Amino acid sequence: MTVLFRADRDAQIPSRTVSVACAVTVTDPAGIIGFTSTPTGVVVLDERENVIHSSPRNEQRWYSPLRYTRTLQDGAWVSELQPYSFPIDIPLDPNAPCPFLLDAVQWSMFALVAGQQKTVDVPFVPSKEWIELTAGLQILVEQATVSNGRYQYTIKVKYNRKKALYTMGSVIHVSPGEPAPPAVVMKMDILDAQGKPVQGQSGGAFGGGGSFSGSGDEVTGTTSGSGSCSACGTAATIRYTLGLQVGEKEIHFLLENVPVPRIWY
C-alpha cells in the first residue's frame, strides 16, 4: 500500500485528493475464473471516525482473468500469478482541515468462481462432427497439424451465452440482475503424447486469437493458434478446462490507521 497526496492549486475551485495505491494478490487460484480490479462501495473515515468520503456500489462488474508470467527457474518454465494493482482516490474538502489519519478505508471487490471444474480432452486432429464440451457449447476442429516442431489449429465454436461462455482470457461482463453463466471455458492447453502441456516444457513462440459474432443468445466464432518449440512437434491433445456452477463472491477489504502525507503549500 502506498499513500499519495495531490493538490490542484491552479484550478478555479481548489481540490485535494488522497490516493491509496493498493495491490491484491491471489494466493490460491483454484476455482477462480476472474477478479474485478475496481473497488466499489468505498467508505472512508477520518481520525474522528467521521465519514469523509463514500461512493455508491457499482452493480456493473467486469471480471479480468488471472494474470500469469512465465519465468525460467532451474531450467524449467514456471508460471507465477501477478497481483491486481489499483488506486483508491479519496477527494478531500479543500475548505476543511486535512486529516492526519484515515481511521478506516473500506471497499468491496468481486471474484467470479467455479464451484466445480472439469476437463474435456479432444484429439489434436480434424473432427467430422461437432463435439459438446458442456451443455450449450460445442466445437468443431477444422484444422490441426503438426510438423517440424510446430503446431497449428483452427477451431469453430458455437454456444448459447445463457448456458456457457467461451472467453479464453477475455474480460467477462456481468450486468445487474443477470446471473453469471453456469459454465465458462477457463483455459485451453495443447498436450503432448504423455499428457503434458507443451507450453510448460520449453520456451518458444506461442500465439492465438479468435473472432465471434452473435444473434440474441446464440454466438458463433472461430479460434486459431500456433506454437513453435522443442515439444510442439508432439502435440496430441486439446484439453479444455471448464468452470461449472459459476457464481459471484463479494470480498470485503479494510485498511486501518492509514497515515496521510503532510504537504504544505
C-alpha atoms as a PDB file:
ATOM      1  CA  MET A   1       0.000   0.000   0.000  1.00  0.00           C
ATOM      2  CA  THR A   2       1.267   3.466  -0.920  1.00  0.00           C
ATOM      3  CA  VAL A   3      -0.461   6.731   0.077  1.00  0.00           C
ATOM      4  CA  LEU A   4      -0.083   9.795  -2.162  1.00  0.00           C
ATOM      5  CA  PHE A   5      -1.359  13.356  -1.752  1.00  0.00           C
ATOM      6  CA  ARG A   6      -2.356  15.524  -4.726  1.00  0.00           C
ATOM      7  CA  ALA A   7      -3.349  19.180  -4.736  1.00  0.00           C
ATOM      8  CA  ASP A   8      -4.545  21.181  -7.728  1.00  0.00           C
ATOM      9  CA  ARG A   9      -3.740  24.761  -6.770  1.00  0.00           C
ATOM     10  CA  ASP A  10      -4.322  26.171 -10.269  1.00  0.00           C
ATOM     11  CA  ALA A  11      -7.946  25.075 -10.554  1.00  0.00           C
ATOM     12  CA  GLN A  12     -10.686  27.685 -10.131  1.00  0.00           C
ATOM     13  CA  ILE A  13     -12.028  25.546  -7.297  1.00  0.00           C
ATOM     14  CA  PRO A  14      -9.011  24.114  -5.413  1.00  0.00           C
ATOM     15  CA  SER A  15      -9.054  20.363  -4.913  1.00  0.00           C
ATOM     16  CA  ARG A  16      -7.174  17.900  -2.773  1.00  0.00           C
ATOM     17  CA  THR A  17      -7.065  14.139  -3.164  1.00  0.00           C
ATOM     18  CA  VAL A  18      -5.509  11.325  -1.198  1.00  0.00           C
ATOM     19  CA  SER A  19      -4.757   8.311  -3.374  1.00  0.00           C
ATOM     20  CA  VAL A  20      -4.156   4.923  -1.784  1.00  0.00           C
ATOM     21  CA  ALA A  21      -2.274   2.643  -4.199  1.00  0.00           C
ATOM     22  CA  CYS A  22      -3.203  -0.973  -3.485  1.00  0.00           C
ATOM     23  CA  ALA A  23      -2.339  -4.401  -4.815  1.00  0.00           C
ATOM     24  CA  VAL A  24      -4.298  -7.606  -4.251  1.00  0.00           C
ATOM     25  CA  THR A  25      -2.555 -10.940  -4.734  1.00  0.00           C
ATOM     26  CA  VAL A  26      -4.496 -14.160  -5.316  1.00  0.00           C
ATOM     27  CA  THR A  27      -2.763 -16.791  -3.201  1.00  0.00           C
ATOM     28  CA  ASP A  28      -4.918 -19.757  -4.215  1.00  0.00           C
ATOM     29  CA  PRO A  29      -6.221 -19.639  -7.804  1.00  0.00           C
ATOM     30  CA  ALA A  30      -8.241 -22.869  -7.539  1.00  0.00           C
ATOM     31  CA  GLY A  31     -11.693 -22.277  -8.951  1.00  0.00           C
ATOM     32  CA  ILE A  32     -11.173 -18.568  -9.644  1.00  0.00           C
ATOM     33  CA  ILE A  33     -12.224 -17.525 -13.143  1.00  0.00           C
ATOM     34  CA  GLY A  34     -11.762 -13.773 -12.825  1.00  0.00           C
ATOM     35  CA  PHE A  35     -11.447 -10.848 -10.457  1.00  0.00           C
ATOM     36  CA  THR A  36     -12.728  -7.276 -10.548  1.00  0.00           C
ATOM     37  CA  SER A  37      -9.861  -4.805 -10.381  1.00  0.00           C
ATOM     38  CA  THR A  38     -12.029  -1.798  -9.478  1.00  0.00           C
ATOM     39  CA  PRO A  39     -13.040  -1.096  -5.861  1.00  0.00           C
ATOM     40  CA  THR A  40     -16.718  -0.381  -5.229  1.00  0.00           C
ATOM     41  CA  GLY A  41     -18.752   0.838  -2.277  1.00  0.00           C
ATOM     42  CA  VAL A  42     -15.815   2.793  -0.831  1.00  0.00           C
ATOM     43  CA  VAL A  43     -16.280   4.295   2.661  1.00  0.00           C
ATOM     44  CA  VAL A  44     -13.525   6.357   4.330  1.00  0.00           C
ATOM     45  CA  LEU A  45     -13.426   7.509   7.965  1.00  0.00           C
ATOM     46  CA  ASP A  46     -11.097  10.159   9.363  1.00  0.00           C
ATOM     47  CA  GLU A  47      -9.305  10.021  12.722  1.00  0.00           C
ATOM     48  CA  ARG A  48     -12.531  11.073  14.473  1.00  0.00           C
ATOM     49  CA  GLU A  49     -14.464   8.285  12.725  1.00  0.00           C
ATOM     50  CA  ASN A  50     -16.380  10.781  10.601  1.00  0.00           C
ATOM     51  CA  VAL A  51     -17.271   9.669   7.073  1.00  0.00           C
ATOM     52  CA  ILE A  52     -15.273  11.944   4.772  1.00  0.00           C
ATOM     53  CA  HIS A  53     -15.893  10.040   1.528  1.00  0.00           C
ATOM     54  CA  SER A  54     -18.242   7.382   0.224  1.00  0.00           C
ATOM     55  CA  SER A  55     -19.020   6.060  -3.233  1.00  0.00           C
ATOM     56  CA  PRO A  56     -22.017   4.043  -4.392  1.00  0.00           C
ATOM     57  CA  ARG A  57     -21.792   0.358  -5.053  1.00  0.00           C
ATOM     58  CA  ASN A  58     -21.266  -0.403  -8.747  1.00  0.00           C
ATOM     59  CA  GLU A  59     -23.560  -3.174  -9.928  1.00  0.00           C
ATOM     60  CA  GLN A  60     -21.841  -3.454 -13.341  1.00  0.00           C
ATOM     61  CA  ARG A  61     -18.898  -5.819 -12.996  1.00  0.00           C
ATOM     62  CA  TRP A  62     -16.068  -6.665 -15.378  1.00  0.00           C
ATOM     63  CA  TYR A  63     -14.018  -9.721 -14.450  1.00  0.00           C
ATOM     64  CA  SER A  64     -10.405  -9.846 -15.611  1.00  0.00           C
ATOM     65  CA  PRO A  65      -8.748 -13.276 -15.880  1.00  0.00           C
ATOM     66  CA  LEU A  66      -5.929 -14.261 -13.556  1.00  0.00           C
ATOM     67  CA  ARG A  67      -2.596 -12.851 -14.715  1.00  0.00           C
ATOM     68  CA  TYR A  68       0.476 -15.026 -15.075  1.00  0.00           C
ATOM     69  CA  THR A  69       4.058 -14.523 -16.170  1.00  0.00           C
ATOM     70  CA  ARG A  70       6.354 -17.326 -17.259  1.00  0.00           C
ATOM     71  CA  THR A  71       9.914 -17.369 -15.929  1.00  0.00           C
ATOM     72  CA  LEU A  72      12.743 -19.828 -16.344  1.00  0.00           C
ATOM     73  CA  GLN A  73      13.736 -21.285 -12.964  1.00  0.00           C
ATOM     74  CA  ASP A  74      16.385 -24.019 -12.635  1.00  0.00           C
ATOM     75  CA  GLY A  75      15.936 -24.940 -16.272  1.00  0.00           C
ATOM     76  CA  ALA A  76      12.126 -25.213 -16.063  1.00  0.00           C
ATOM     77  CA  TRP A  77       9.436 -22.758 -17.100  1.00  0.00           C
ATOM     78  CA  VAL A  78       7.293 -21.676 -14.140  1.00  0.00           C
ATOM     79  CA  SER A  79       4.056 -19.668 -14.245  1.00  0.00           C
ATOM     80  CA  GLU A  80       3.646 -17.083 -11.496  1.00  0.00           C
ATOM     81  CA  LEU A  81       0.482 -15.207 -10.540  1.00  0.00           C
ATOM     82  CA  GLN A  82       0.664 -11.437 -10.806  1.00  0.00           C
ATOM     83  CA  PRO A  83      -1.175  -9.066  -8.442  1.00  0.00           C
ATOM     84  CA  TYR A  84      -4.064  -6.778  -9.351  1.00  0.00           C
ATOM     85  CA  SER A  85      -2.995  -3.154  -8.827  1.00  0.00           C
ATOM     86  CA  PHE A  86      -5.476  -0.310  -8.443  1.00  0.00           C
ATOM     87  CA  PRO A  87      -5.855   3.105  -6.727  1.00  0.00           C
ATOM     88  CA  ILE A  88      -8.494   4.303  -4.288  1.00  0.00           C
ATOM     89  CA  ASP A  89      -8.878   8.053  -4.826  1.00  0.00           C
ATOM     90  CA  ILE A  90     -10.311   9.957  -1.871  1.00  0.00           C
ATOM     91  CA  PRO A  91     -11.302  13.567  -2.639  1.00  0.00           C
ATOM     92  CA  LEU A  92     -10.966  15.913   0.352  1.00  0.00           C
ATOM     93  CA  ASP A  93     -12.898  19.041   1.157  1.00  0.00           C
ATOM     94  CA  PRO A  94     -10.487  21.910   0.233  1.00  0.00           C
ATOM     95  CA  ASN A  95     -12.128  24.110   2.863  1.00  0.00           C
ATOM     96  CA  ALA A  96     -11.739  21.639   5.710  1.00  0.00           C
ATOM     97  CA  PRO A  97      -8.576  20.704   7.620  1.00  0.00           C
ATOM     98  CA  CYS A  98      -6.681  17.829   6.064  1.00  0.00           C
ATOM     99  CA  PRO A  99      -6.946  14.691   8.227  1.00  0.00           C
ATOM    100  CA  PHE A 100      -3.752  13.393   9.806  1.00  0.00           C
ATOM    101  CA  LEU A 101      -5.005   9.825   9.703  1.00  0.00           C
ATOM    102  CA  LEU A 102      -7.628   7.730   7.925  1.00  0.00           C
ATOM    103  CA  ASP A 103      -9.161   5.589  10.633  1.00  0.00           C
ATOM    104  CA  ALA A 104     -10.583   3.173   8.068  1.00  0.00           C
ATOM    105  CA  VAL A 105     -10.766   2.683   4.311  1.00  0.00           C
ATOM    106  CA  GLN A 106     -13.384   0.090   3.390  1.00  0.00           C
ATOM    107  CA  TRP A 107     -14.375  -1.254  -0.005  1.00  0.00           C
ATOM    108  CA  SER A 108     -15.515  -4.352  -1.866  1.00  0.00           C
ATOM    109  CA  MET A 109     -14.302  -6.289  -4.875  1.00  0.00           C
ATOM    110  CA  PHE A 110     -15.720  -9.392  -6.510  1.00  0.00           C
ATOM    111  CA  ALA A 111     -14.433 -12.768  -7.684  1.00  0.00           C
ATOM    112  CA  LEU A 112     -16.064 -14.967 -10.315  1.00  0.00           C
ATOM    113  CA  VAL A 113     -15.638 -18.517  -9.061  1.00  0.00           C
ATOM    114  CA  ALA A 114     -16.467 -22.050 -10.172  1.00  0.00           C
ATOM    115  CA  GLY A 115     -17.951 -24.496  -7.690  1.00  0.00           C
ATOM    116  CA  GLN A 116     -16.720 -27.355  -9.849  1.00  0.00           C
ATOM    117  CA  GLN A 117     -14.195 -27.886 -12.627  1.00  0.00           C
ATOM    118  CA  LYS A 118     -13.956 -30.468 -15.361  1.00  0.00           C
ATOM    119  CA  THR A 119     -11.593 -31.141 -18.246  1.00  0.00           C
ATOM    120  CA  VAL A 120     -12.523 -32.334 -21.715  1.00  0.00           C
ATOM    121  CA  ASP A 121      -9.822 -33.864 -23.935  1.00  0.00           C
ATOM    122  CA  VAL A 122     -10.204 -33.637 -27.698  1.00  0.00           C
ATOM    123  CA  PRO A 123      -7.765 -35.376 -30.099  1.00  0.00           C
ATOM    124  CA  PHE A 124      -5.493 -32.961 -31.968  1.00  0.00           C
ATOM    125  CA  VAL A 125      -6.919 -33.992 -35.350  1.00  0.00           C
ATOM    126  CA  PRO A 126      -9.681 -32.511 -37.523  1.00  0.00           C
ATOM    127  CA  SER A 127     -13.134 -33.631 -36.361  1.00  0.00           C
ATOM    128  CA  LYS A 128     -16.009 -34.596 -38.643  1.00  0.00           C
ATOM    129  CA  GLU A 129     -18.764 -33.790 -36.162  1.00  0.00           C
ATOM    130  CA  TRP A 130     -19.406 -31.154 -33.519  1.00  0.00           C
ATOM    131  CA  ILE A 131     -18.128 -32.040 -30.055  1.00  0.00           C
ATOM    132  CA  GLU A 132     -20.072 -30.958 -26.954  1.00  0.00           C
ATOM    133  CA  LEU A 133     -17.840 -29.589 -24.202  1.00  0.00           C
ATOM    134  CA  THR A 134     -20.798 -28.827 -21.910  1.00  0.00           C
ATOM    135  CA  ALA A 135     -24.494 -28.085 -22.313  1.00  0.00           C
ATOM    136  CA  GLY A 136     -24.897 -25.257 -24.826  1.00  0.00           C
ATOM    137  CA  LEU A 137     -21.258 -25.243 -26.004  1.00  0.00           C
ATOM    138  CA  GLN A 138     -19.833 -27.158 -28.981  1.00  0.00           C
ATOM    139  CA  ILE A 139     -16.631 -27.086 -31.014  1.00  0.00           C
ATOM    140  CA  LEU A 140     -15.503 -28.410 -34.391  1.00  0.00           C
ATOM    141  CA  VAL A 141     -11.774 -28.869 -35.058  1.00  0.00           C
ATOM    142  CA  GLU A 142     -11.303 -27.685 -38.648  1.00  0.00           C
ATOM    143  CA  GLN A 143      -7.519 -27.819 -38.801  1.00  0.00           C
ATOM    144  CA  ALA A 144      -4.902 -29.467 -36.588  1.00  0.00           C
ATOM    145  CA  THR A 145      -1.407 -30.001 -37.995  1.00  0.00           C
ATOM    146  CA  VAL A 146       1.965 -30.874 -36.500  1.00  0.00           C
ATOM    147  CA  SER A 147       5.265 -30.707 -38.379  1.00  0.00           C
ATOM    148  CA  ASN A 148       8.880 -29.680 -37.831  1.00  0.00           C
ATOM    149  CA  GLY A 149       8.465 -28.647 -34.214  1.00  0.00           C
ATOM    150  CA  ARG A 150       5.367 -26.583 -34.875  1.00  0.00           C
ATOM    151  CA  TYR A 151       1.615 -26.988 -34.425  1.00  0.00           C
ATOM    152  CA  GLN A 152      -1.341 -25.074 -35.836  1.00  0.00           C
ATOM    153  CA  TYR A 153      -5.076 -25.313 -35.275  1.00  0.00           C
ATOM    154  CA  THR A 154      -8.364 -23.721 -36.307  1.00  0.00           C
ATOM    155  CA  ILE A 155     -11.494 -24.465 -34.288  1.00  0.00           C
ATOM    156  CA  LYS A 156     -15.097 -23.419 -34.848  1.00  0.00           C
ATOM    157  CA  VAL A 157     -17.145 -22.628 -31.745  1.00  0.00           C
ATOM    158  CA  LYS A 158     -20.852 -22.175 -31.107  1.00  0.00           C
ATOM    159  CA  TYR A 159     -22.590 -21.601 -27.790  1.00  0.00           C
ATOM    160  CA  ASN A 160     -25.617 -20.167 -26.042  1.00  0.00           C
ATOM    161  CA  ARG A 161     -24.500 -17.299 -23.801  1.00  0.00           C
ATOM    162  CA  LYS A 162     -27.141 -18.129 -21.180  1.00  0.00           C
ATOM    163  CA  LYS A 163     -25.696 -21.621 -20.786  1.00  0.00           C
ATOM    164  CA  ALA A 164     -21.947 -21.149 -21.277  1.00  0.00           C
ATOM    165  CA  LEU A 165     -19.211 -18.682 -22.177  1.00  0.00           C
ATOM    166  CA  TYR A 166     -16.155 -19.311 -24.332  1.00  0.00           C
ATOM    167  CA  THR A 167     -13.916 -16.492 -23.130  1.00  0.00           C
ATOM    168  CA  MET A 168     -10.343 -17.796 -23.301  1.00  0.00           C
ATOM    169  CA  GLY A 169      -8.801 -14.965 -21.306  1.00  0.00           C
ATOM    170  CA  SER A 170     -11.248 -12.220 -22.260  1.00  0.00           C
ATOM    171  CA  VAL A 171     -12.951  -9.913 -19.779  1.00  0.00           C
ATOM    172  CA  ILE A 172     -16.329 -11.245 -18.589  1.00  0.00           C
ATOM    173  CA  HIS A 173     -19.123  -8.708 -18.063  1.00  0.00           C
ATOM    174  CA  VAL A 174     -21.953  -9.384 -15.614  1.00  0.00           C
ATOM    175  CA  SER A 175     -24.905  -6.978 -15.734  1.00  0.00           C
ATOM    176  CA  PRO A 176     -27.033  -6.152 -12.692  1.00  0.00           C
ATOM    177  CA  GLY A 177     -29.905  -8.551 -12.226  1.00  0.00           C
ATOM    178  CA  GLU A 178     -28.412 -11.103 -14.606  1.00  0.00           C
ATOM    179  CA  PRO A 179     -26.805 -14.256 -13.218  1.00  0.00           C
ATOM    180  CA  ALA A 180     -23.355 -15.345 -14.285  1.00  0.00           C
ATOM    181  CA  PRO A 181     -23.345 -18.090 -16.950  1.00  0.00           C
ATOM    182  CA  PRO A 182     -23.389 -21.574 -15.382  1.00  0.00           C
ATOM    183  CA  ALA A 183     -20.296 -22.718 -17.329  1.00  0.00           C
ATOM    184  CA  VAL A 184     -17.154 -20.921 -18.524  1.00  0.00           C
ATOM    185  CA  VAL A 185     -14.183 -22.176 -20.547  1.00  0.00           C
ATOM    186  CA  MET A 186     -11.304 -21.191 -18.268  1.00  0.00           C
ATOM    187  CA  LYS A 187      -8.384 -22.251 -20.444  1.00  0.00           C
ATOM    188  CA  MET A 188      -7.209 -24.481 -23.263  1.00  0.00           C
ATOM    189  CA  ASP A 189      -3.939 -26.433 -23.320  1.00  0.00           C
ATOM    190  CA  ILE A 190      -2.170 -28.328 -26.074  1.00  0.00           C
ATOM    191  CA  LEU A 191      -0.801 -31.588 -24.627  1.00  0.00           C
ATOM    192  CA  ASP A 192       1.900 -33.926 -25.866  1.00  0.00           C
ATOM    193  CA  ALA A 193       1.532 -37.718 -26.143  1.00  0.00           C
ATOM    194  CA  GLN A 194       2.300 -38.077 -22.408  1.00  0.00           C
ATOM    195  CA  GLY A 195      -0.467 -35.631 -21.435  1.00  0.00           C
ATOM    196  CA  LYS A 196       1.844 -32.738 -20.530  1.00  0.00           C
ATOM    197  CA  PRO A 197       1.227 -29.152 -21.741  1.00  0.00           C
ATOM    198  CA  VAL A 198       3.780 -28.389 -24.457  1.00  0.00           C
ATOM    199  CA  GLN A 199       3.925 -24.711 -23.481  1.00  0.00           C
ATOM    200  CA  GLY A 200       5.081 -25.584 -19.973  1.00  0.00           C
ATOM    201  CA  GLN A 201       8.032 -27.687 -21.085  1.00  0.00           C
ATOM    202  CA  SER A 202      10.114 -25.251 -23.081  1.00  0.00           C
ATOM    203  CA  GLY A 203      10.439 -21.741 -24.362  1.00  0.00           C
ATOM    204  CA  GLY A 204       9.248 -20.861 -27.814  1.00  0.00           C
ATOM    205  CA  ALA A 205       6.731 -18.810 -29.716  1.00  0.00           C
ATOM    206  CA  PHE A 206       3.028 -19.199 -28.999  1.00  0.00           C
ATOM    207  CA  GLY A 207       0.041 -17.239 -30.236  1.00  0.00           C
ATOM    208  CA  GLY A 208      -3.668 -17.395 -30.769  1.00  0.00           C
ATOM    209  CA  GLY A 209      -6.894 -15.463 -31.069  1.00  0.00           C
ATOM    210  CA  GLY A 210     -10.435 -15.587 -32.282  1.00  0.00           C
ATOM    211  CA  SER A 211     -13.426 -13.706 -33.611  1.00  0.00           C
ATOM    212  CA  PHE A 212     -17.064 -14.122 -32.590  1.00  0.00           C
ATOM    213  CA  SER A 213     -20.452 -12.749 -33.554  1.00  0.00           C
ATOM    214  CA  GLY A 214     -23.893 -13.384 -32.216  1.00  0.00           C
ATOM    215  CA  SER A 215     -27.587 -13.008 -32.698  1.00  0.00           C
ATOM    216  CA  GLY A 216     -29.553 -12.947 -29.471  1.00  0.00           C
ATOM    217  CA  ASP A 217     -28.125 -15.553 -27.138  1.00  0.00           C
ATOM    218  CA  GLU A 218     -26.552 -17.646 -29.903  1.00  0.00           C
ATOM    219  CA  VAL A 219     -22.854 -16.980 -30.592  1.00  0.00           C
ATOM    220  CA  THR A 220     -20.600 -18.462 -33.269  1.00  0.00           C
ATOM    221  CA  GLY A 221     -16.936 -17.909 -33.950  1.00  0.00           C
ATOM    222  CA  THR A 222     -13.557 -19.279 -34.857  1.00  0.00           C
ATOM    223  CA  THR A 223     -10.386 -19.574 -32.816  1.00  0.00           C
ATOM    224  CA  SER A 224      -6.925 -20.318 -34.135  1.00  0.00           C
ATOM    225  CA  GLY A 225      -3.446 -20.649 -32.759  1.00  0.00           C
ATOM    226  CA  SER A 226       0.045 -21.968 -33.272  1.00  0.00           C
ATOM    227  CA  GLY A 227       3.181 -22.818 -31.387  1.00  0.00           C
ATOM    228  CA  SER A 228       6.820 -23.369 -32.210  1.00  0.00           C
ATOM    229  CA  CYS A 229       9.028 -25.051 -29.613  1.00  0.00           C
ATOM    230  CA  SER A 230      11.054 -28.155 -28.866  1.00  0.00           C
ATOM    231  CA  ALA A 231       7.980 -30.001 -27.547  1.00  0.00           C
ATOM    232  CA  CYS A 232       5.458 -28.673 -30.075  1.00  0.00           C
ATOM    233  CA  GLY A 233       6.109 -31.453 -32.568  1.00  0.00           C
ATOM    234  CA  THR A 234       4.399 -33.934 -30.238  1.00  0.00           C
ATOM    235  CA  ALA A 235       1.070 -32.070 -29.899  1.00  0.00           C
ATOM    236  CA  ALA A 236      -1.555 -34.791 -29.493  1.00  0.00           C
ATOM    237  CA  THR A 237      -4.487 -33.475 -27.432  1.00  0.00           C
ATOM    238  CA  ILE A 238      -6.533 -30.318 -26.951  1.00  0.00           C
ATOM    239  CA  ARG A 239      -7.552 -30.044 -23.287  1.00  0.00           C
ATOM    240  CA  TYR A 240     -10.321 -27.681 -22.241  1.00  0.00           C
ATOM    241  CA  THR A 241     -10.720 -26.750 -18.583  1.00  0.00           C
ATOM    242  CA  LEU A 242     -14.243 -25.631 -17.757  1.00  0.00           C
ATOM    243  CA  GLY A 243     -15.629 -23.981 -14.656  1.00  0.00           C
ATOM    244  CA  LEU A 244     -19.099 -25.157 -13.682  1.00  0.00           C
ATOM    245  CA  GLN A 245     -21.612 -23.903 -11.102  1.00  0.00           C
ATOM    246  CA  VAL A 246     -20.244 -20.405 -11.685  1.00  0.00           C
ATOM    247  CA  GLY A 247     -21.157 -17.624  -9.266  1.00  0.00           C
ATOM    248  CA  GLU A 248     -20.020 -14.282  -7.866  1.00  0.00           C
ATOM    249  CA  LYS A 249     -18.472 -13.727  -4.439  1.00  0.00           C
ATOM    250  CA  GLU A 250     -18.112 -10.354  -2.785  1.00  0.00           C
ATOM    251  CA  ILE A 251     -14.849  -9.780  -0.924  1.00  0.00           C
ATOM    252  CA  HIS A 252     -14.638  -7.060   1.718  1.00  0.00           C
ATOM    253  CA  PHE A 253     -11.410  -5.169   2.381  1.00  0.00           C
ATOM    254  CA  LEU A 254     -10.435  -2.932   5.286  1.00  0.00           C
ATOM    255  CA  LEU A 255      -7.375  -0.758   5.803  1.00  0.00           C
ATOM    256  CA  GLU A 256      -6.983   0.800   9.250  1.00  0.00           C
ATOM    257  CA  ASN A 257      -4.870   3.665  10.585  1.00  0.00           C
ATOM    258  CA  VAL A 258      -3.674   4.931   7.207  1.00  0.00           C
ATOM    259  CA  PRO A 259      -1.379   7.971   7.672  1.00  0.00           C
ATOM    260  CA  VAL A 260      -1.975  10.947   5.383  1.00  0.00           C
ATOM    261  CA  PRO A 261       1.163  12.646   3.969  1.00  0.00           C
ATOM    262  CA  ARG A 262       1.596  16.229   5.131  1.00  0.00           C
ATOM    263  CA  ILE A 263       2.030  18.617   2.216  1.00  0.00           C
ATOM    264  CA  TRP A 264       2.271  22.345   2.912  1.00  0.00           C
ATOM    265  CA  TYR A 265       1.718  24.875   0.130  1.00  0.00           C
END
